[in-house]
Amino acid sequence: QMNSLKPEDTAVYYCAADKVSFRAVVAAD
């Protein structure tokens, strides 16, 4: 959910699935 959008938010947005199951801490890499 994206609110208060700004011109700098312009991009192609991709979703992705983690390679590790049940990871305790979400990854940003």
mmCIF file of all heavy atoms, coordinates in Angstrom:
data_MODEL
# 
_entry.id   MODEL 
# 
loop_
_atom_site.group_PDB 
_atom_site.id 
_atom_site.type_symbol 
_atom_site.label_atom_id 
_atom_site.label_alt_id 
_atom_site.label_comp_id 
_atom_site.label_asym_id 
_atom_site.label_entity_id 
_atom_site.label_seq_id 
_atom_site.pdbx_PDB_ins_code 
_atom_site.Cartn_x 
_atom_site.Cartn_y 
_atom_site.Cartn_z 
_atom_site.occupancy 
_atom_site.B_iso_or_equiv 
_atom_site.pdbx_formal_charge 
_atom_site.auth_seq_id 
_atom_site.auth_comp_id 
_atom_site.auth_asym_id 
_atom_site.auth_atom_id 
_atom_site.pdbx_PDB_model_num 
ATOM 1   N N   . GLN A 1 1  ? 0.851  -1.177  0.000   1.00 0.00 ? 1  GLN A N   1 
ATOM 2   C CA  . GLN A 1 1  ? 0.000  0.000   0.000   1.00 0.00 ? 1  GLN A CA  1 
ATOM 3   C C   . GLN A 1 1  ? 0.893  1.234   0.000   1.00 0.00 ? 1  GLN A C   1 
ATOM 4   O O   . GLN A 1 1  ? 1.704  1.410   0.917   1.00 0.00 ? 1  GLN A O   1 
ATOM 5   C CB  . GLN A 1 1  ? -0.911 0.004   1.223   1.00 0.00 ? 1  GLN A CB  1 
ATOM 6   C CG  . GLN A 1 1  ? -1.797 1.237   1.343   1.00 0.00 ? 1  GLN A CG  1 
ATOM 7   C CD  . GLN A 1 1  ? -2.824 1.318   0.246   1.00 0.00 ? 1  GLN A CD  1 
ATOM 8   O OE1 . GLN A 1 1  ? -3.446 0.324   -0.112  1.00 0.00 ? 1  GLN A OE1 1 
ATOM 9   N NE2 . GLN A 1 1  ? -3.022 2.513   -0.307  1.00 0.00 ? 1  GLN A NE2 1 
ATOM 10  N N   . MET A 1 2  ? 0.728  2.065   -1.015  1.00 0.00 ? 2  MET A N   1 
ATOM 11  C CA  . MET A 1 2  ? 1.589  3.236   -1.175  1.00 0.00 ? 2  MET A CA  1 
ATOM 12  C C   . MET A 1 2  ? 0.741  4.497   -1.067  1.00 0.00 ? 2  MET A C   1 
ATOM 13  O O   . MET A 1 2  ? -0.146 4.721   -1.901  1.00 0.00 ? 2  MET A O   1 
ATOM 14  C CB  . MET A 1 2  ? 2.306  3.176   -2.527  1.00 0.00 ? 2  MET A CB  1 
ATOM 15  C CG  . MET A 1 2  ? 3.096  1.895   -2.738  1.00 0.00 ? 2  MET A CG  1 
ATOM 16  S SD  . MET A 1 2  ? 4.063  1.915   -4.254  1.00 0.00 ? 2  MET A SD  1 
ATOM 17  C CE  . MET A 1 2  ? 2.755  1.969   -5.482  1.00 0.00 ? 2  MET A CE  1 
ATOM 18  N N   . ASN A 1 3  ? 1.007  5.291   -0.052  1.00 0.00 ? 3  ASN A N   1 
ATOM 19  C CA  . ASN A 1 3  ? 0.293  6.546   0.159   1.00 0.00 ? 3  ASN A CA  1 
ATOM 20  C C   . ASN A 1 3  ? 1.256  7.715   0.038   1.00 0.00 ? 3  ASN A C   1 
ATOM 21  O O   . ASN A 1 3  ? 2.474  7.538   0.106   1.00 0.00 ? 3  ASN A O   1 
ATOM 22  C CB  . ASN A 1 3  ? -0.363 6.556   1.539   1.00 0.00 ? 3  ASN A CB  1 
ATOM 23  C CG  . ASN A 1 3  ? -1.382 5.451   1.718   1.00 0.00 ? 3  ASN A CG  1 
ATOM 24  O OD1 . ASN A 1 3  ? -2.039 5.021   0.762   1.00 0.00 ? 3  ASN A OD1 1 
ATOM 25  N ND2 . ASN A 1 3  ? -1.535 4.969   2.940   1.00 0.00 ? 3  ASN A ND2 1 
ATOM 26  N N   . SER A 1 4  ? 0.692  8.900   -0.108  1.00 0.00 ? 4  SER A N   1 
ATOM 27  C CA  . SER A 1 4  ? 1.500  10.128  -0.200  1.00 0.00 ? 4  SER A CA  1 
ATOM 28  C C   . SER A 1 4  ? 2.626  9.968   -1.217  1.00 0.00 ? 4  SER A C   1 
ATOM 29  O O   . SER A 1 4  ? 3.788  10.293  -0.942  1.00 0.00 ? 4  SER A O   1 
ATOM 30  C CB  . SER A 1 4  ? 2.072  10.485  1.187   1.00 0.00 ? 4  SER A CB  1 
ATOM 31  O OG  . SER A 1 4  ? 1.045  10.649  2.128   1.00 0.00 ? 4  SER A OG  1 
ATOM 32  N N   . LEU A 1 5  ? 2.269  9.489   -2.371  1.00 0.00 ? 5  LEU A N   1 
ATOM 33  C CA  . LEU A 1 5  ? 3.282  9.208   -3.396  1.00 0.00 ? 5  LEU A CA  1 
ATOM 34  C C   . LEU A 1 5  ? 3.959  10.474  -3.876  1.00 0.00 ? 5  LEU A C   1 
ATOM 35  O O   . LEU A 1 5  ? 3.338  11.551  -3.953  1.00 0.00 ? 5  LEU A O   1 
ATOM 36  C CB  . LEU A 1 5  ? 2.646  8.466   -4.558  1.00 0.00 ? 5  LEU A CB  1 
ATOM 37  C CG  . LEU A 1 5  ? 2.404  6.977   -4.291  1.00 0.00 ? 5  LEU A CG  1 
ATOM 38  C CD1 . LEU A 1 5  ? 1.371  6.409   -5.252  1.00 0.00 ? 5  LEU A CD1 1 
ATOM 39  C CD2 . LEU A 1 5  ? 3.704  6.209   -4.389  1.00 0.00 ? 5  LEU A CD2 1 
ATOM 40  N N   . LYS A 1 6  ? 5.230  10.323  -4.199  1.00 0.00 ? 6  LYS A N   1 
ATOM 41  C CA  . LYS A 1 6  ? 6.059  11.427  -4.674  1.00 0.00 ? 6  LYS A CA  1 
ATOM 42  C C   . LYS A 1 6  ? 6.603  11.094  -6.066  1.00 0.00 ? 6  LYS A C   1 
ATOM 43  O O   . LYS A 1 6  ? 6.735  9.917   -6.409  1.00 0.00 ? 6  LYS A O   1 
ATOM 44  C CB  . LYS A 1 6  ? 7.237  11.640  -3.717  1.00 0.00 ? 6  LYS A CB  1 
ATOM 45  C CG  . LYS A 1 6  ? 6.853  11.865  -2.267  1.00 0.00 ? 6  LYS A CG  1 
ATOM 46  C CD  . LYS A 1 6  ? 8.088  11.949  -1.393  1.00 0.00 ? 6  LYS A CD  1 
ATOM 47  C CE  . LYS A 1 6  ? 7.731  12.155  0.073   1.00 0.00 ? 6  LYS A CE  1 
ATOM 48  N NZ  . LYS A 1 6  ? 8.941  12.222  0.936   1.00 0.00 ? 6  LYS A NZ  1 
ATOM 49  N N   . PRO A 1 7  ? 6.953  12.087  -6.845  1.00 0.00 ? 7  PRO A N   1 
ATOM 50  C CA  . PRO A 1 7  ? 7.522  11.800  -8.174  1.00 0.00 ? 7  PRO A CA  1 
ATOM 51  C C   . PRO A 1 7  ? 8.753  10.895  -8.096  1.00 0.00 ? 7  PRO A C   1 
ATOM 52  O O   . PRO A 1 7  ? 8.963  10.073  -9.002  1.00 0.00 ? 7  PRO A O   1 
ATOM 53  C CB  . PRO A 1 7  ? 7.885  13.197  -8.685  1.00 0.00 ? 7  PRO A CB  1 
ATOM 54  C CG  . PRO A 1 7  ? 6.884  14.100  -8.042  1.00 0.00 ? 7  PRO A CG  1 
ATOM 55  C CD  . PRO A 1 7  ? 6.687  13.541  -6.670  1.00 0.00 ? 7  PRO A CD  1 
ATOM 56  N N   . GLU A 1 8  ? 9.515  10.996  -7.023  1.00 0.00 ? 8  GLU A N   1 
ATOM 57  C CA  . GLU A 1 8  ? 10.702 10.150  -6.900  1.00 0.00 ? 8  GLU A CA  1 
ATOM 58  C C   . GLU A 1 8  ? 10.376 8.693   -6.602  1.00 0.00 ? 8  GLU A C   1 
ATOM 59  O O   . GLU A 1 8  ? 11.270 7.842   -6.580  1.00 0.00 ? 8  GLU A O   1 
ATOM 60  C CB  . GLU A 1 8  ? 11.656 10.694  -5.821  1.00 0.00 ? 8  GLU A CB  1 
ATOM 61  C CG  . GLU A 1 8  ? 11.001 10.996  -4.491  1.00 0.00 ? 8  GLU A CG  1 
ATOM 62  C CD  . GLU A 1 8  ? 10.614 12.458  -4.344  1.00 0.00 ? 8  GLU A CD  1 
ATOM 63  O OE1 . GLU A 1 8  ? 10.074 13.038  -5.317  1.00 0.00 ? 8  GLU A OE1 1 
ATOM 64  O OE2 . GLU A 1 8  ? 10.846 13.020  -3.251  1.00 0.00 ? 8  GLU A OE2 1 
ATOM 65  N N   . ASP A 1 9  ? 9.103  8.379   -6.390  1.00 0.00 ? 9  ASP A N   1 
ATOM 66  C CA  . ASP A 1 9  ? 8.689  6.985   -6.246  1.00 0.00 ? 9  ASP A CA  1 
ATOM 67  C C   . ASP A 1 9  ? 8.477  6.317   -7.603  1.00 0.00 ? 9  ASP A C   1 
ATOM 68  O O   . ASP A 1 9  ? 8.236  5.103   -7.664  1.00 0.00 ? 9  ASP A O   1 
ATOM 69  C CB  . ASP A 1 9  ? 7.390  6.898   -5.447  1.00 0.00 ? 9  ASP A CB  1 
ATOM 70  C CG  . ASP A 1 9  ? 7.547  7.340   -4.000  1.00 0.00 ? 9  ASP A CG  1 
ATOM 71  O OD1 . ASP A 1 9  ? 8.568  6.990   -3.382  1.00 0.00 ? 9  ASP A OD1 1 
ATOM 72  O OD2 . ASP A 1 9  ? 6.639  8.038   -3.488  1.00 0.00 ? 9  ASP A OD2 1 
ATOM 73  N N   . THR A 1 10 ? 8.556  7.081   -8.670  1.00 0.00 ? 10 THR A N   1 
ATOM 74  C CA  . THR A 1 10 ? 8.380  6.530   -10.011 1.00 0.00 ? 10 THR A CA  1 
ATOM 75  C C   . THR A 1 10 ? 9.441  5.477   -10.300 1.00 0.00 ? 10 THR A C   1 
ATOM 76  O O   . THR A 1 10 ? 10.643 5.736   -10.175 1.00 0.00 ? 10 THR A O   1 
ATOM 77  C CB  . THR A 1 10 ? 8.451  7.651   -11.059 1.00 0.00 ? 10 THR A CB  1 
ATOM 78  O OG1 . THR A 1 10 ? 7.341  8.540   -10.872 1.00 0.00 ? 10 THR A OG1 1 
ATOM 79  C CG2 . THR A 1 10 ? 8.406  7.074   -12.468 1.00 0.00 ? 10 THR A CG2 1 
ATOM 80  N N   . ALA A 1 11 ? 8.991  4.277   -10.672 1.00 0.00 ? 11 ALA A N   1 
ATOM 81  C CA  . ALA A 1 11 ? 9.899  3.158   -10.916 1.00 0.00 ? 11 ALA A CA  1 
ATOM 82  C C   . ALA A 1 11 ? 9.084  1.949   -11.354 1.00 0.00 ? 11 ALA A C   1 
ATOM 83  O O   . ALA A 1 11 ? 7.852  1.950   -11.274 1.00 0.00 ? 11 ALA A O   1 
ATOM 84  C CB  . ALA A 1 11 ? 10.693 2.814   -9.651  1.00 0.00 ? 11 ALA A CB  1 
ATOM 85  N N   . VAL A 1 12 ? 9.795  0.926   -11.774 1.00 0.00 ? 12 VAL A N   1 
ATOM 86  C CA  . VAL A 1 12 ? 9.181  -0.395  -11.926 1.00 0.00 ? 12 VAL A CA  1 
ATOM 87  C C   . VAL A 1 12 ? 9.320  -1.109  -10.582 1.00 0.00 ? 12 VAL A C   1 
ATOM 88  O O   . VAL A 1 12 ? 10.426 -1.170  -10.029 1.00 0.00 ? 12 VAL A O   1 
ATOM 89  C CB  . VAL A 1 12 ? 9.857  -1.215  -13.044 1.00 0.00 ? 12 VAL A CB  1 
ATOM 90  C CG1 . VAL A 1 12 ? 9.229  -2.605  -13.117 1.00 0.00 ? 12 VAL A CG1 1 
ATOM 91  C CG2 . VAL A 1 12 ? 9.729  -0.499  -14.382 1.00 0.00 ? 12 VAL A CG2 1 
ATOM 92  N N   . TYR A 1 13 ? 8.215  -1.610  -10.084 1.00 0.00 ? 13 TYR A N   1 
ATOM 93  C CA  . TYR A 1 13 ? 8.193  -2.269  -8.789  1.00 0.00 ? 13 TYR A CA  1 
ATOM 94  C C   . TYR A 1 13 ? 8.125  -3.784  -8.986  1.00 0.00 ? 13 TYR A C   1 
ATOM 95  O O   . TYR A 1 13 ? 7.309  -4.280  -9.770  1.00 0.00 ? 13 TYR A O   1 
ATOM 96  C CB  . TYR A 1 13 ? 6.998  -1.792  -7.970  1.00 0.00 ? 13 TYR A CB  1 
ATOM 97  C CG  . TYR A 1 13 ? 7.215  -0.423  -7.375  1.00 0.00 ? 13 TYR A CG  1 
ATOM 98  C CD1 . TYR A 1 13 ? 7.230  0.712   -8.172  1.00 0.00 ? 13 TYR A CD1 1 
ATOM 99  C CD2 . TYR A 1 13 ? 7.433  -0.260  -6.001  1.00 0.00 ? 13 TYR A CD2 1 
ATOM 100 C CE1 . TYR A 1 13 ? 7.456  1.970   -7.632  1.00 0.00 ? 13 TYR A CE1 1 
ATOM 101 C CE2 . TYR A 1 13 ? 7.652  0.995   -5.459  1.00 0.00 ? 13 TYR A CE2 1 
ATOM 102 C CZ  . TYR A 1 13 ? 7.670  2.096   -6.279  1.00 0.00 ? 13 TYR A CZ  1 
ATOM 103 O OH  . TYR A 1 13 ? 7.896  3.340   -5.734  1.00 0.00 ? 13 TYR A OH  1 
ATOM 104 N N   . TYR A 1 14 ? 8.998  -4.470  -8.252  1.00 0.00 ? 14 TYR A N   1 
ATOM 105 C CA  . TYR A 1 14 ? 9.093  -5.923  -8.345  1.00 0.00 ? 14 TYR A CA  1 
ATOM 106 C C   . TYR A 1 14 ? 8.824  -6.549  -6.978  1.00 0.00 ? 14 TYR A C   1 
ATOM 107 O O   . TYR A 1 14 ? 9.319  -6.048  -5.958  1.00 0.00 ? 14 TYR A O   1 
ATOM 108 C CB  . TYR A 1 14 ? 10.492 -6.354  -8.773  1.00 0.00 ? 14 TYR A CB  1 
ATOM 109 C CG  . TYR A 1 14 ? 10.932 -5.835  -10.116 1.00 0.00 ? 14 TYR A CG  1 
ATOM 110 C CD1 . TYR A 1 14 ? 11.577 -4.611  -10.225 1.00 0.00 ? 14 TYR A CD1 1 
ATOM 111 C CD2 . TYR A 1 14 ? 10.717 -6.578  -11.271 1.00 0.00 ? 14 TYR A CD2 1 
ATOM 112 C CE1 . TYR A 1 14 ? 12.000 -4.128  -11.455 1.00 0.00 ? 14 TYR A CE1 1 
ATOM 113 C CE2 . TYR A 1 14 ? 11.133 -6.107  -12.507 1.00 0.00 ? 14 TYR A CE2 1 
ATOM 114 C CZ  . TYR A 1 14 ? 11.768 -4.886  -12.588 1.00 0.00 ? 14 TYR A CZ  1 
ATOM 115 O OH  . TYR A 1 14 ? 12.183 -4.415  -13.804 1.00 0.00 ? 14 TYR A OH  1 
ATOM 116 N N   . CYS A 1 15 ? 8.094  -7.650  -6.965  1.00 0.00 ? 15 CYS A N   1 
ATOM 117 C CA  . CYS A 1 15 ? 8.031  -8.438  -5.743  1.00 0.00 ? 15 CYS A CA  1 
ATOM 118 C C   . CYS A 1 15 ? 9.005  -9.609  -5.898  1.00 0.00 ? 15 CYS A C   1 
ATOM 119 O O   . CYS A 1 15 ? 9.346  -10.019 -7.006  1.00 0.00 ? 15 CYS A O   1 
ATOM 120 C CB  . CYS A 1 15 ? 6.623  -8.928  -5.437  1.00 0.00 ? 15 CYS A CB  1 
ATOM 121 S SG  . CYS A 1 15 ? 5.988  -10.179 -6.549  1.00 0.00 ? 15 CYS A SG  1 
ATOM 122 N N   . ALA A 1 16 ? 9.444  -10.112 -4.755  1.00 0.00 ? 16 ALA A N   1 
ATOM 123 C CA  . ALA A 1 16 ? 10.433 -11.176 -4.761  1.00 0.00 ? 16 ALA A CA  1 
ATOM 124 C C   . ALA A 1 16 ? 10.229 -12.072 -3.551  1.00 0.00 ? 16 ALA A C   1 
ATOM 125 O O   . ALA A 1 16 ? 9.774  -11.616 -2.497  1.00 0.00 ? 16 ALA A O   1 
ATOM 126 C CB  . ALA A 1 16 ? 11.844 -10.593 -4.753  1.00 0.00 ? 16 ALA A CB  1 
ATOM 127 N N   . ALA A 1 17 ? 10.614 -13.343 -3.705  1.00 0.00 ? 17 ALA A N   1 
ATOM 128 C CA  . ALA A 1 17 ? 10.486 -14.323 -2.634  1.00 0.00 ? 17 ALA A CA  1 
ATOM 129 C C   . ALA A 1 17 ? 11.865 -14.673 -2.073  1.00 0.00 ? 17 ALA A C   1 
ATOM 130 O O   . ALA A 1 17 ? 12.826 -14.873 -2.835  1.00 0.00 ? 17 ALA A O   1 
ATOM 131 C CB  . ALA A 1 17 ? 9.797  -15.575 -3.155  1.00 0.00 ? 17 ALA A CB  1 
ATOM 132 N N   . ASP A 1 18 ? 11.942 -14.733 -0.759  1.00 0.00 ? 18 ASP A N   1 
ATOM 133 C CA  . ASP A 1 18 ? 13.176 -15.074 -0.056  1.00 0.00 ? 18 ASP A CA  1 
ATOM 134 C C   . ASP A 1 18 ? 13.666 -16.455 -0.477  1.00 0.00 ? 18 ASP A C   1 
ATOM 135 O O   . ASP A 1 18 ? 12.865 -17.356 -0.738  1.00 0.00 ? 18 ASP A O   1 
ATOM 136 C CB  . ASP A 1 18 ? 12.881 -15.050 1.443   1.00 0.00 ? 18 ASP A CB  1 
ATOM 137 C CG  . ASP A 1 18 ? 14.120 -15.014 2.319   1.00 0.00 ? 18 ASP A CG  1 
ATOM 138 O OD1 . ASP A 1 18 ? 15.214 -15.383 1.852   1.00 0.00 ? 18 ASP A OD1 1 
ATOM 139 O OD2 . ASP A 1 18 ? 13.991 -14.615 3.477   1.00 0.00 ? 18 ASP A OD2 1 
ATOM 140 N N   . LYS A 1 19 ? 14.967 -16.652 -0.523  1.00 0.00 ? 19 LYS A N   1 
ATOM 141 C CA  . LYS A 1 19 ? 15.523 -17.952 -0.887  1.00 0.00 ? 19 LYS A CA  1 
ATOM 142 C C   . LYS A 1 19 ? 15.563 -18.914 0.296   1.00 0.00 ? 19 LYS A C   1 
ATOM 143 O O   . LYS A 1 19 ? 15.738 -20.112 0.118   1.00 0.00 ? 19 LYS A O   1 
ATOM 144 C CB  . LYS A 1 19 ? 16.929 -17.778 -1.453  1.00 0.00 ? 19 LYS A CB  1 
ATOM 145 C CG  . LYS A 1 19 ? 17.950 -17.231 -0.470  1.00 0.00 ? 19 LYS A CG  1 
ATOM 146 C CD  . LYS A 1 19 ? 19.367 -17.234 -1.038  1.00 0.00 ? 19 LYS A CD  1 
ATOM 147 C CE  . LYS A 1 19 ? 19.535 -16.358 -2.233  1.00 0.00 ? 19 LYS A CE  1 
ATOM 148 N NZ  . LYS A 1 19 ? 20.964 -16.245 -2.661  1.00 0.00 ? 19 LYS A NZ  1 
ATOM 149 N N   . VAL A 1 20 ? 15.378 -18.381 1.519   1.00 0.00 ? 20 VAL A N   1 
ATOM 150 C CA  . VAL A 1 20 ? 15.460 -19.188 2.739   1.00 0.00 ? 20 VAL A CA  1 
ATOM 151 C C   . VAL A 1 20 ? 14.093 -19.231 3.397   1.00 0.00 ? 20 VAL A C   1 
ATOM 152 O O   . VAL A 1 20 ? 13.457 -18.198 3.598   1.00 0.00 ? 20 VAL A O   1 
ATOM 153 C CB  . VAL A 1 20 ? 16.488 -18.606 3.712   1.00 0.00 ? 20 VAL A CB  1 
ATOM 154 C CG1 . VAL A 1 20 ? 16.493 -19.374 5.032   1.00 0.00 ? 20 VAL A CG1 1 
ATOM 155 C CG2 . VAL A 1 20 ? 17.878 -18.604 3.087   1.00 0.00 ? 20 VAL A CG2 1 
ATOM 156 N N   . SER A 1 21 ? 13.648 -20.440 3.754   1.00 0.00 ? 21 SER A N   1 
ATOM 157 C CA  . SER A 1 21 ? 12.348 -20.566 4.407   1.00 0.00 ? 21 SER A CA  1 
ATOM 158 C C   . SER A 1 21 ? 12.444 -20.245 5.893   1.00 0.00 ? 21 SER A C   1 
ATOM 159 O O   . SER A 1 21 ? 13.491 -20.444 6.516   1.00 0.00 ? 21 SER A O   1 
ATOM 160 C CB  . SER A 1 21 ? 11.795 -21.981 4.215   1.00 0.00 ? 21 SER A CB  1 
ATOM 161 O OG  . SER A 1 21 ? 12.655 -22.943 4.801   1.00 0.00 ? 21 SER A OG  1 
ATOM 162 N N   . PHE A 1 22 ? 11.357 -19.736 6.421   1.00 0.00 ? 22 PHE A N   1 
ATOM 163 C CA  . PHE A 1 22 ? 11.216 -19.464 7.853   1.00 0.00 ? 22 PHE A CA  1 
ATOM 164 C C   . PHE A 1 22 ? 12.362 -18.606 8.416   1.00 0.00 ? 22 PHE A C   1 
ATOM 165 O O   . PHE A 1 22 ? 12.784 -18.794 9.570   1.00 0.00 ? 22 PHE A O   1 
ATOM 166 C CB  . PHE A 1 22 ? 11.113 -20.766 8.650   1.00 0.00 ? 22 PHE A CB  1 
ATOM 167 C CG  . PHE A 1 22 ? 9.966  -21.641 8.226   1.00 0.00 ? 22 PHE A CG  1 
ATOM 168 C CD1 . PHE A 1 22 ? 10.201 -22.915 7.731   1.00 0.00 ? 22 PHE A CD1 1 
ATOM 169 C CD2 . PHE A 1 22 ? 8.651  -21.205 8.299   1.00 0.00 ? 22 PHE A CD2 1 
ATOM 170 C CE1 . PHE A 1 22 ? 9.150  -23.732 7.327   1.00 0.00 ? 22 PHE A CE1 1 
ATOM 171 C CE2 . PHE A 1 22 ? 7.597  -22.004 7.901   1.00 0.00 ? 22 PHE A CE2 1 
ATOM 172 C CZ  . PHE A 1 22 ? 7.849  -23.280 7.416   1.00 0.00 ? 22 PHE A CZ  1 
ATOM 173 N N   . ARG A 1 23 ? 12.828 -17.662 7.629   1.00 0.00 ? 23 ARG A N   1 
ATOM 174 C CA  . ARG A 1 23 ? 13.915 -16.789 8.098   1.00 0.00 ? 23 ARG A CA  1 
ATOM 175 C C   . ARG A 1 23 ? 13.415 -15.980 9.287   1.00 0.00 ? 23 ARG A C   1 
ATOM 176 O O   . ARG A 1 23 ? 12.322 -15.394 9.239   1.00 0.00 ? 23 ARG A O   1 
ATOM 177 C CB  . ARG A 1 23 ? 14.393 -15.876 6.983   1.00 0.00 ? 23 ARG A CB  1 
ATOM 178 C CG  . ARG A 1 23 ? 15.732 -15.217 7.290   1.00 0.00 ? 23 ARG A CG  1 
ATOM 179 C CD  . ARG A 1 23 ? 16.047 -14.151 6.273   1.00 0.00 ? 23 ARG A CD  1 
ATOM 180 N NE  . ARG A 1 23 ? 16.275 -14.628 4.931   1.00 0.00 ? 23 ARG A NE  1 
ATOM 181 C CZ  . ARG A 1 23 ? 17.483 -14.863 4.407   1.00 0.00 ? 23 ARG A CZ  1 
ATOM 182 N NH1 . ARG A 1 23 ? 18.557 -14.691 5.149   1.00 0.00 ? 23 ARG A NH1 1 
ATOM 183 N NH2 . ARG A 1 23 ? 17.595 -15.249 3.146   1.00 0.00 ? 23 ARG A NH2 1 
ATOM 184 N N   . ALA A 1 24 ? 14.247 -15.869 10.327  1.00 0.00 ? 24 ALA A N   1 
ATOM 185 C CA  . ALA A 1 24 ? 13.815 -15.200 11.555  1.00 0.00 ? 24 ALA A CA  1 
ATOM 186 C C   . ALA A 1 24 ? 13.746 -13.683 11.390  1.00 0.00 ? 24 ALA A C   1 
ATOM 187 O O   . ALA A 1 24 ? 12.905 -13.017 12.019  1.00 0.00 ? 24 ALA A O   1 
ATOM 188 C CB  . ALA A 1 24 ? 14.742 -15.553 12.706  1.00 0.00 ? 24 ALA A CB  1 
ATOM 189 N N   . VAL A 1 25 ? 14.636 -13.144 10.559  1.00 0.00 ? 25 VAL A N   1 
ATOM 190 C CA  . VAL A 1 25 ? 14.695 -11.694 10.365  1.00 0.00 ? 25 VAL A CA  1 
ATOM 191 C C   . VAL A 1 25 ? 14.600 -11.411 8.870   1.00 0.00 ? 25 VAL A C   1 
ATOM 192 O O   . VAL A 1 25 ? 15.340 -11.999 8.085   1.00 0.00 ? 25 VAL A O   1 
ATOM 193 C CB  . VAL A 1 25 ? 16.003 -11.102 10.925  1.00 0.00 ? 25 VAL A CB  1 
ATOM 194 C CG1 . VAL A 1 25 ? 16.056 -9.603  10.696  1.00 0.00 ? 25 VAL A CG1 1 
ATOM 195 C CG2 . VAL A 1 25 ? 16.131 -11.421 12.410  1.00 0.00 ? 25 VAL A CG2 1 
ATOM 196 N N   . VAL A 1 26 ? 13.720 -10.517 8.481   1.00 0.00 ? 26 VAL A N   1 
ATOM 197 C CA  . VAL A 1 26 ? 13.565 -10.236 7.056   1.00 0.00 ? 26 VAL A CA  1 
ATOM 198 C C   . VAL A 1 26 ? 14.831 -9.606  6.496   1.00 0.00 ? 26 VAL A C   1 
ATOM 199 O O   . VAL A 1 26 ? 15.533 -8.867  7.179   1.00 0.00 ? 26 VAL A O   1 
ATOM 200 C CB  . VAL A 1 26 ? 12.359 -9.320  6.788   1.00 0.00 ? 26 VAL A CB  1 
ATOM 201 C CG1 . VAL A 1 26 ? 11.070 -10.030 7.118   1.00 0.00 ? 26 VAL A CG1 1 
ATOM 202 C CG2 . VAL A 1 26 ? 12.470 -8.020  7.556   1.00 0.00 ? 26 VAL A CG2 1 
ATOM 203 N N   . ALA A 1 27 ? 15.113 -9.913  5.248   1.00 0.00 ? 27 ALA A N   1 
ATOM 204 C CA  . ALA A 1 27 ? 16.320 -9.437  4.590   1.00 0.00 ? 27 ALA A CA  1 
ATOM 205 C C   . ALA A 1 27 ? 16.000 -8.282  3.654   1.00 0.00 ? 27 ALA A C   1 
ATOM 206 O O   . ALA A 1 27 ? 14.949 -8.264  3.011   1.00 0.00 ? 27 ALA A O   1 
ATOM 207 C CB  . ALA A 1 27 ? 16.964 -10.579 3.808   1.00 0.00 ? 27 ALA A CB  1 
ATOM 208 N N   . ALA A 1 28 ? 16.929 -7.334  3.581   1.00 0.00 ? 28 ALA A N   1 
ATOM 209 C CA  . ALA A 1 28 ? 16.785 -6.203  2.673   1.00 0.00 ? 28 ALA A CA  1 
ATOM 210 C C   . ALA A 1 28 ? 17.692 -6.324  1.454   1.00 0.00 ? 28 ALA A C   1 
ATOM 211 O O   . ALA A 1 28 ? 17.533 -5.573  0.492   1.00 0.00 ? 28 ALA A O   1 
ATOM 212 C CB  . ALA A 1 28 ? 17.082 -4.898  3.404   1.00 0.00 ? 28 ALA A CB  1 
ATOM 213 N N   . ASP A 1 29 ? 18.604 -7.258  1.482   1.00 0.00 ? 29 ASP A N   1 
ATOM 214 C CA  . ASP A 1 29 ? 19.558 -7.450  0.396   1.00 0.00 ? 29 ASP A CA  1 
ATOM 215 C C   . ASP A 1 29 ? 18.896 -8.242  -0.722  1.00 0.00 ? 29 ASP A C   1 
ATOM 216 O O   . ASP A 1 29 ? 18.422 -9.359  -0.500  1.00 0.00 ? 29 ASP A O   1 
ATOM 217 C CB  . ASP A 1 29 ? 20.773 -8.203  0.926   1.00 0.00 ? 29 ASP A CB  1 
ATOM 218 C CG  . ASP A 1 29 ? 21.890 -8.303  -0.097  1.00 0.00 ? 29 ASP A CG  1 
ATOM 219 O OD1 . ASP A 1 29 ? 21.645 -8.033  -1.288  1.00 0.00 ? 29 ASP A OD1 1 
ATOM 220 O OD2 . ASP A 1 29 ? 23.007 -8.669  0.300   1.00 0.00 ? 29 ASP A OD2 1 
# 
